[in-house]
Amino acid sequence: MRRPRPAAKPRQHARRPGVRRDEPLALERFVPYRIATLAGLLARGASRLYALRFGLLVREWRILAALGAGAPLSAAEVVRRTAIDKGRVSRAVANLVRRGLLVREPDAFDARRTMLRLSQKGRSVYRRVVPLAVARERELLAALTGTERRELERLLAKLHARAEAMLARLGGTPGGDEEGD
């Protein structure tokens, strides 16, 4: 007579040291939450500054920044580079075109799609916003030493790569269609 096998233990995922399964989540220590709230604080500050000086929403500025290198991009590529969902990119692009900051052109290689580029007016706005954006970054990073800044850059790249791999395992693609924690 065969003995029944013991029930398999559910696979446990790595947990933070000292955190029990039945404990409530401490948001102030939850890294995705902390990153999201930091991003939110930075976005709110940028939003106020860019809206007051240039009449731009943060997502509109991010689109201008993605196009600032000069090469025309498709809307899909803008979505990928900015991590803004496609609906918001579509509305922002329409607004930027209406305001004369972006130009839509047919794609030379695929007649079914259009390419986006900065207009002359858009390039002028871009050149005026870049120094403000860089100054805000410099002010934020002034809280860190040079060594800490280099370490932060290394760690952010590492976390970004891991987050992309985690999303890919779930069948997602970078591009801002989902909100996350």
C-alpha atoms as a PDB file:
ATOM      1  CA  MET A   1       0.000   0.000   0.000  1.00  0.00           C
ATOM      2  CA  ARG A   2       1.404   3.349  -1.072  1.00  0.00           C
ATOM      3  CA  ARG A   3       1.499   6.245   1.290  1.00  0.00           C
ATOM      4  CA  PRO A   4       0.019   9.451  -0.062  1.00  0.00           C
ATOM      5  CA  ARG A   5       2.534  12.129  -0.830  1.00  0.00           C
ATOM      6  CA  PRO A   6       2.465  15.132   1.423  1.00  0.00           C
ATOM      7  CA  ALA A   7       0.851  18.170  -0.168  1.00  0.00           C
ATOM      8  CA  ALA A   8       3.364  20.356  -1.904  1.00  0.00           C
ATOM      9  CA  LYS A   9       4.142  23.537  -0.073  1.00  0.00           C
ATOM     10  CA  PRO A  10       3.164  26.620  -2.012  1.00  0.00           C
ATOM     11  CA  ARG A  11       6.187  28.241  -3.551  1.00  0.00           C
ATOM     12  CA  GLN A  12       7.222  31.208  -1.507  1.00  0.00           C
ATOM     13  CA  HIS A  13       8.568  34.332  -3.136  1.00  0.00           C
ATOM     14  CA  ALA A  14      11.390  36.296  -1.635  1.00  0.00           C
ATOM     15  CA  ARG A  15      10.094  38.618   1.044  1.00  0.00           C
ATOM     16  CA  ARG A  16      11.622  41.552   2.752  1.00  0.00           C
ATOM     17  CA  PRO A  17      13.386  40.543   5.933  1.00  0.00           C
ATOM     18  CA  GLY A  18      11.143  40.930   8.940  1.00  0.00           C
ATOM     19  CA  VAL A  19       7.903  41.216   6.924  1.00  0.00           C
ATOM     20  CA  ARG A  20       5.278  38.634   7.693  1.00  0.00           C
ATOM     21  CA  ARG A  21       2.708  37.548   5.134  1.00  0.00           C
ATOM     22  CA  ASP A  22      -0.219  38.731   7.294  1.00  0.00           C
ATOM     23  CA  GLU A  23       1.282  42.167   7.999  1.00  0.00           C
ATOM     24  CA  PRO A  24      -0.248  45.181   6.296  1.00  0.00           C
ATOM     25  CA  LEU A  25       1.918  46.785   3.636  1.00  0.00           C
ATOM     26  CA  ALA A  26       3.927  49.711   4.996  1.00  0.00           C
ATOM     27  CA  LEU A  27       3.700  52.111   2.061  1.00  0.00           C
ATOM     28  CA  GLU A  28       6.397  54.413   3.405  1.00  0.00           C
ATOM     29  CA  ARG A  29       8.872  51.523   2.961  1.00  0.00           C
ATOM     30  CA  PHE A  30       7.399  50.042  -0.259  1.00  0.00           C
ATOM     31  CA  VAL A  31       9.894  50.931  -2.999  1.00  0.00           C
ATOM     32  CA  PRO A  32       7.449  51.098  -5.961  1.00  0.00           C
ATOM     33  CA  TYR A  33       5.243  53.457  -3.955  1.00  0.00           C
ATOM     34  CA  ARG A  34       8.212  55.621  -2.966  1.00  0.00           C
ATOM     35  CA  ILE A  35       9.405  55.873  -6.566  1.00  0.00           C
ATOM     36  CA  ALA A  36       5.879  56.723  -7.758  1.00  0.00           C
ATOM     37  CA  THR A  37       5.398  59.419  -5.122  1.00  0.00           C
ATOM     38  CA  LEU A  38       8.813  60.937  -5.900  1.00  0.00           C
ATOM     39  CA  ALA A  39       7.921  60.959  -9.605  1.00  0.00           C
ATOM     40  CA  GLY A  40       4.580  62.555  -8.738  1.00  0.00           C
ATOM     41  CA  LEU A  41       6.224  65.310  -6.694  1.00  0.00           C
ATOM     42  CA  LEU A  42       8.654  66.057  -9.496  1.00  0.00           C
ATOM     43  CA  ALA A  43       5.880  66.024 -12.102  1.00  0.00           C
ATOM     44  CA  ARG A  44       3.694  68.402 -10.063  1.00  0.00           C
ATOM     45  CA  GLY A  45       6.557  70.868  -9.715  1.00  0.00           C
ATOM     46  CA  ALA A  46       7.418  70.636 -13.400  1.00  0.00           C
ATOM     47  CA  SER A  47       3.750  70.955 -14.300  1.00  0.00           C
ATOM     48  CA  ARG A  48       3.421  74.233 -12.441  1.00  0.00           C
ATOM     49  CA  LEU A  49       6.616  75.645 -13.907  1.00  0.00           C
ATOM     50  CA  TYR A  50       5.976  74.569 -17.520  1.00  0.00           C
ATOM     51  CA  ALA A  51       2.291  75.563 -17.412  1.00  0.00           C
ATOM     52  CA  LEU A  52       3.072  79.032 -16.068  1.00  0.00           C
ATOM     53  CA  ARG A  53       5.939  79.781 -18.449  1.00  0.00           C
ATOM     54  CA  PHE A  54       4.980  77.867 -21.584  1.00  0.00           C
ATOM     55  CA  GLY A  55       1.376  76.683 -21.264  1.00  0.00           C
ATOM     56  CA  LEU A  56       2.586  73.059 -21.406  1.00  0.00           C
ATOM     57  CA  LEU A  57       1.407  69.994 -19.555  1.00  0.00           C
ATOM     58  CA  VAL A  58       4.199  67.701 -18.339  1.00  0.00           C
ATOM     59  CA  ARG A  59       3.199  65.038 -20.870  1.00  0.00           C
ATOM     60  CA  GLU A  60       3.390  67.651 -23.643  1.00  0.00           C
ATOM     61  CA  TRP A  61       6.876  68.608 -22.491  1.00  0.00           C
ATOM     62  CA  ARG A  62       7.905  64.937 -22.456  1.00  0.00           C
ATOM     63  CA  ILE A  63       6.720  64.597 -26.058  1.00  0.00           C
ATOM     64  CA  LEU A  64       8.675  67.708 -27.076  1.00  0.00           C
ATOM     65  CA  ALA A  65      11.714  66.305 -25.243  1.00  0.00           C
ATOM     66  CA  ALA A  66      11.407  62.954 -27.051  1.00  0.00           C
ATOM     67  CA  LEU A  67      11.355  64.805 -30.373  1.00  0.00           C
ATOM     68  CA  GLY A  68      14.059  67.263 -29.346  1.00  0.00           C
ATOM     69  CA  ALA A  69      16.916  65.182 -30.762  1.00  0.00           C
ATOM     70  CA  GLY A  70      15.597  66.129 -34.177  1.00  0.00           C
ATOM     71  CA  ALA A  71      14.670  62.796 -35.722  1.00  0.00           C
ATOM     72  CA  PRO A  72      10.972  62.437 -36.583  1.00  0.00           C
ATOM     73  CA  LEU A  73       9.168  59.741 -34.593  1.00  0.00           C
ATOM     74  CA  SER A  74       5.926  57.846 -35.020  1.00  0.00           C
ATOM     75  CA  ALA A  75       3.296  58.197 -32.296  1.00  0.00           C
ATOM     76  CA  ALA A  76       4.021  54.591 -31.291  1.00  0.00           C
ATOM     77  CA  GLU A  77       7.692  55.440 -30.806  1.00  0.00           C
ATOM     78  CA  VAL A  78       6.737  58.509 -28.742  1.00  0.00           C
ATOM     79  CA  VAL A  79       4.598  56.237 -26.538  1.00  0.00           C
ATOM     80  CA  ARG A  80       7.531  53.874 -26.070  1.00  0.00           C
ATOM     81  CA  ARG A  81      10.072  56.612 -25.305  1.00  0.00           C
ATOM     82  CA  THR A  82       7.887  58.651 -22.960  1.00  0.00           C
ATOM     83  CA  ALA A  83       6.009  55.850 -21.141  1.00  0.00           C
ATOM     84  CA  ILE A  84       2.801  57.841 -21.627  1.00  0.00           C
ATOM     85  CA  ASP A  85      -0.236  55.793 -22.638  1.00  0.00           C
ATOM     86  CA  LYS A  86      -1.259  56.041 -26.273  1.00  0.00           C
ATOM     87  CA  GLY A  87      -4.561  57.816 -25.597  1.00  0.00           C
ATOM     88  CA  ARG A  88      -2.842  60.612 -23.713  1.00  0.00           C
ATOM     89  CA  VAL A  89      -0.100  60.824 -26.342  1.00  0.00           C
ATOM     90  CA  SER A  90      -2.766  61.108 -29.041  1.00  0.00           C
ATOM     91  CA  ARG A  91      -4.580  63.945 -27.244  1.00  0.00           C
ATOM     92  CA  ALA A  92      -1.330  65.748 -26.381  1.00  0.00           C
ATOM     93  CA  VAL A  93      -0.037  65.438 -29.951  1.00  0.00           C
ATOM     94  CA  ALA A  94      -3.318  66.830 -31.302  1.00  0.00           C
ATOM     95  CA  ASN A  95      -3.022  69.790 -28.931  1.00  0.00           C
ATOM     96  CA  LEU A  96       0.651  70.382 -29.795  1.00  0.00           C
ATOM     97  CA  VAL A  97      -0.136  70.244 -33.538  1.00  0.00           C
ATOM     98  CA  ARG A  98      -3.051  72.649 -33.033  1.00  0.00           C
ATOM     99  CA  ARG A  99      -0.722  75.062 -31.167  1.00  0.00           C
ATOM    100  CA  GLY A 100       1.852  74.850 -33.948  1.00  0.00           C
ATOM    101  CA  LEU A 101       4.539  73.138 -31.831  1.00  0.00           C
ATOM    102  CA  LEU A 102       4.500  69.823 -33.743  1.00  0.00           C
ATOM    103  CA  VAL A 103       4.158  68.916 -37.393  1.00  0.00           C
ATOM    104  CA  ARG A 104       2.698  65.672 -38.728  1.00  0.00           C
ATOM    105  CA  GLU A 105       4.277  64.326 -41.910  1.00  0.00           C
ATOM    106  CA  PRO A 106       3.667  61.167 -43.915  1.00  0.00           C
ATOM    107  CA  ASP A 107       6.214  58.439 -43.238  1.00  0.00           C
ATOM    108  CA  ALA A 108       8.526  58.115 -46.246  1.00  0.00           C
ATOM    109  CA  PHE A 109       8.638  54.315 -45.819  1.00  0.00           C
ATOM    110  CA  ASP A 110       5.079  53.476 -44.710  1.00  0.00           C
ATOM    111  CA  ALA A 111       2.185  55.493 -46.137  1.00  0.00           C
ATOM    112  CA  ARG A 112      -0.141  54.152 -43.409  1.00  0.00           C
ATOM    113  CA  ARG A 113       1.585  56.076 -40.641  1.00  0.00           C
ATOM    114  CA  THR A 114       2.590  59.629 -39.914  1.00  0.00           C
ATOM    115  CA  MET A 115       5.733  60.927 -38.334  1.00  0.00           C
ATOM    116  CA  LEU A 116       5.966  63.720 -35.780  1.00  0.00           C
ATOM    117  CA  ARG A 117       8.623  66.392 -35.585  1.00  0.00           C
ATOM    118  CA  LEU A 118       9.059  69.704 -33.807  1.00  0.00           C
ATOM    119  CA  SER A 119       8.006  72.752 -35.786  1.00  0.00           C
ATOM    120  CA  GLN A 120      10.211  75.838 -35.715  1.00  0.00           C
ATOM    121  CA  LYS A 121       8.018  77.207 -32.906  1.00  0.00           C
ATOM    122  CA  GLY A 122       8.235  73.848 -31.081  1.00  0.00           C
ATOM    123  CA  ARG A 123      12.030  73.832 -31.374  1.00  0.00           C
ATOM    124  CA  SER A 124      12.112  77.351 -29.903  1.00  0.00           C
ATOM    125  CA  VAL A 125       9.989  76.268 -26.913  1.00  0.00           C
ATOM    126  CA  TYR A 126      12.111  73.141 -26.515  1.00  0.00           C
ATOM    127  CA  ARG A 127      15.323  75.215 -26.385  1.00  0.00           C
ATOM    128  CA  ARG A 128      13.817  77.450 -23.680  1.00  0.00           C
ATOM    129  CA  VAL A 129      12.511  74.563 -21.518  1.00  0.00           C
ATOM    130  CA  VAL A 130      15.676  72.409 -21.589  1.00  0.00           C
ATOM    131  CA  PRO A 131      17.728  74.728 -19.334  1.00  0.00           C
ATOM    132  CA  LEU A 132      14.882  74.793 -16.789  1.00  0.00           C
ATOM    133  CA  ALA A 133      14.564  71.003 -16.833  1.00  0.00           C
ATOM    134  CA  VAL A 134      18.320  70.569 -16.433  1.00  0.00           C
ATOM    135  CA  ALA A 135      18.384  73.121 -13.592  1.00  0.00           C
ATOM    136  CA  ARG A 136      15.589  71.233 -11.792  1.00  0.00           C
ATOM    137  CA  GLU A 137      17.521  67.983 -12.161  1.00  0.00           C
ATOM    138  CA  ARG A 138      20.693  69.652 -10.900  1.00  0.00           C
ATOM    139  CA  GLU A 139      18.827  71.076  -7.876  1.00  0.00           C
ATOM    140  CA  LEU A 140      17.357  67.665  -7.040  1.00  0.00           C
ATOM    141  CA  LEU A 141      20.675  65.844  -7.400  1.00  0.00           C
ATOM    142  CA  ALA A 142      22.492  68.472  -5.293  1.00  0.00           C
ATOM    143  CA  ALA A 143      21.210  66.478  -2.305  1.00  0.00           C
ATOM    144  CA  LEU A 144      23.671  63.708  -3.302  1.00  0.00           C
ATOM    145  CA  THR A 145      27.436  63.481  -3.484  1.00  0.00           C
ATOM    146  CA  GLY A 146      29.100  62.700  -6.805  1.00  0.00           C
ATOM    147  CA  THR A 147      29.586  59.109  -5.735  1.00  0.00           C
ATOM    148  CA  GLU A 148      25.931  58.841  -4.696  1.00  0.00           C
ATOM    149  CA  ARG A 149      24.787  60.293  -8.046  1.00  0.00           C
ATOM    150  CA  ARG A 150      26.821  57.722  -9.977  1.00  0.00           C
ATOM    151  CA  GLU A 151      25.478  54.938  -7.743  1.00  0.00           C
ATOM    152  CA  LEU A 152      21.911  56.215  -8.186  1.00  0.00           C
ATOM    153  CA  GLU A 153      22.346  56.153 -11.972  1.00  0.00           C
ATOM    154  CA  ARG A 154      23.675  52.602 -11.836  1.00  0.00           C
ATOM    155  CA  LEU A 155      20.876  51.443  -9.537  1.00  0.00           C
ATOM    156  CA  LEU A 156      18.153  53.142 -11.573  1.00  0.00           C
ATOM    157  CA  ALA A 157      19.413  51.426 -14.741  1.00  0.00           C
ATOM    158  CA  LYS A 158      19.434  48.088 -12.938  1.00  0.00           C
ATOM    159  CA  LEU A 159      15.905  48.558 -11.554  1.00  0.00           C
ATOM    160  CA  HIS A 160      14.637  49.763 -14.939  1.00  0.00           C
ATOM    161  CA  ALA A 161      15.982  46.657 -16.674  1.00  0.00           C
ATOM    162  CA  ARG A 162      14.436  44.397 -14.024  1.00  0.00           C
ATOM    163  CA  ALA A 163      11.062  46.170 -14.239  1.00  0.00           C
ATOM    164  CA  GLU A 164      11.067  45.773 -18.039  1.00  0.00           C
ATOM    165  CA  ALA A 165      11.859  42.055 -17.667  1.00  0.00           C
ATOM    166  CA  MET A 166       9.055  41.638 -15.115  1.00  0.00           C
ATOM    167  CA  LEU A 167       6.609  43.393 -17.448  1.00  0.00           C
ATOM    168  CA  ALA A 168       7.727  41.274 -20.408  1.00  0.00           C
ATOM    169  CA  ARG A 169       7.085  38.081 -18.404  1.00  0.00           C
ATOM    170  CA  LEU A 170       3.500  39.263 -17.984  1.00  0.00           C
ATOM    171  CA  GLY A 171       3.168  39.927 -21.716  1.00  0.00           C
ATOM    172  CA  GLY A 172       3.365  43.700 -21.449  1.00  0.00           C
ATOM    173  CA  THR A 173       5.490  46.176 -23.315  1.00  0.00           C
ATOM    174  CA  PRO A 174       7.032  49.420 -22.062  1.00  0.00           C
ATOM    175  CA  GLY A 175       4.809  52.301 -23.026  1.00  0.00           C
ATOM    176  CA  GLY A 176       2.695  53.459 -20.141  1.00  0.00           C
ATOM    177  CA  ASP A 177      -0.556  51.570 -20.758  1.00  0.00           C
ATOM    178  CA  GLU A 178      -0.742  50.380 -17.174  1.00  0.00           C
ATOM    179  CA  GLU A 179      -0.283  52.057 -13.832  1.00  0.00           C
ATOM    180  CA  GLY A 180       1.851  50.195 -11.394  1.00  0.00           C
ATOM    181  CA  ASP A 181       3.052  49.439  -7.924  1.00  0.00           C
END
